[in-house]
Protein backbone atom coordinates (compact mmCIF):
# COMPACT_ATOMS: atom_id res chain seq x y z
CA MET A 1 0.00 7.83 102.65
CA GLY A 2 0.05 5.44 105.59
CA THR A 3 2.75 2.87 106.08
CA ASP A 4 0.86 -0.28 106.99
CA GLU A 5 -1.57 -2.35 104.95
CA GLY A 6 -4.66 -0.94 106.68
CA GLU A 7 -3.62 2.68 106.24
CA ILE A 8 -2.68 2.09 102.54
CA ALA A 9 -6.02 0.26 101.89
CA SER A 10 -7.97 3.16 103.40
CA GLU A 11 -6.19 5.67 101.15
CA MET A 12 -6.53 3.64 97.99
CA GLY A 13 -10.11 4.94 97.66
CA TYR A 14 -8.97 8.53 97.26
CA ILE A 15 -6.55 7.69 94.52
CA SER A 16 -8.96 5.35 92.81
CA GLY A 17 -11.64 7.99 92.94
CA ALA A 18 -9.46 10.48 91.16
CA TYR A 19 -8.70 7.85 88.50
CA ILE A 20 -12.39 7.11 88.07
CA GLY A 21 -13.03 10.84 87.55
CA LEU A 22 -10.30 11.04 84.94
CA ILE A 23 -11.69 8.04 83.07
CA ASN A 24 -15.20 9.55 83.24
CA ARG A 25 -13.77 12.74 81.68
CA GLY A 26 -12.22 10.82 78.75
CA LEU A 27 -8.80 9.66 79.76
CA GLU A 28 -7.83 6.74 77.62
CA THR A 29 -5.56 4.16 79.27
CA GLU A 30 -5.67 0.49 80.07
CA GLN A 31 -4.86 0.62 83.78
CA MET A 32 -3.39 2.68 86.58
CA ASN A 33 -0.42 1.17 88.39
CA VAL A 34 0.48 2.54 91.80
CA THR A 35 3.53 2.25 93.96
CA ALA A 36 3.07 3.51 97.57
CA LEU A 37 6.28 4.96 98.92
CA ASP A 38 7.43 5.49 102.52
CA TRP A 39 7.43 9.23 103.06
CA MET A 40 10.51 8.98 105.28
CA ASP A 41 12.91 7.25 102.86
CA ASP A 42 11.01 6.78 99.56
CA SER A 43 11.27 2.97 99.82
CA ASP A 44 8.51 0.95 98.19
CA LEU A 45 5.72 -0.03 100.58
CA ALA A 46 3.08 -1.53 98.39
CA TYR A 47 1.83 -1.97 94.83
CA TRP A 48 -1.68 -2.00 93.46
CA TYR A 49 -3.58 -1.30 90.25
CA VAL A 50 -6.94 -0.41 88.77
CA GLU A 51 -8.06 -1.84 85.47
CA THR A 52 -9.90 0.72 83.32
CA GLU A 53 -12.26 -2.07 82.24
CA TRP A 54 -13.43 -2.30 85.83
CA VAL A 55 -13.96 1.49 85.94
CA ASP A 56 -15.97 1.33 82.71
CA GLU A 57 -18.15 -1.43 84.18
CA TYR A 58 -18.72 0.75 87.27
CA LEU A 59 -19.51 3.86 85.28
CA ASP A 60 -21.89 1.89 83.05
CA GLY A 61 -23.72 0.53 86.14
CA ASP A 62 -22.69 -3.07 85.53
CA ILE A 63 -20.93 -3.37 88.90
CA ASP A 64 -21.47 -1.43 92.10
CA GLU A 65 -18.98 0.52 94.24
CA ASP A 66 -18.44 -2.46 96.56
CA GLU A 67 -17.54 -4.77 93.74
CA LEU A 68 -15.12 -2.24 92.19
CA SER A 69 -13.52 -1.60 95.61
CA MET A 70 -13.07 -5.34 96.21
CA ARG A 71 -11.43 -5.86 92.81
CA ILE A 72 -9.00 -3.00 93.54
CA LEU A 73 -8.23 -4.19 97.15
CA LEU A 74 -7.47 -7.66 95.84
CA THR A 75 -4.60 -6.23 93.77
CA LEU A 76 -2.82 -4.83 96.84
CA GLU A 77 0.60 -6.36 97.47
CA MET A 78 2.81 -5.21 100.24
CA ALA A 79 6.46 -4.73 99.20
CA ASP A 80 7.83 -6.89 102.04
CA GLU A 81 5.64 -9.80 100.79
CA SER A 82 7.05 -9.84 97.27
């Protein structure tokens, strides 16, 4: 994972996509919480989450990929900003 906000945001899609696939296959959970770590020293870089409700709305066709992505991106918080 990248170490700045832009790199982290660009990689959030891969992780979110895997989560969407798991929900689509029947995983039952309320949300996925993510902590991005610095690969050099394991310090926290950022935090973000995906609500399963959003994924369900996406899978049901109630929201599109852009809306889901925006909701997820809006949860991104860089560790040095907390």
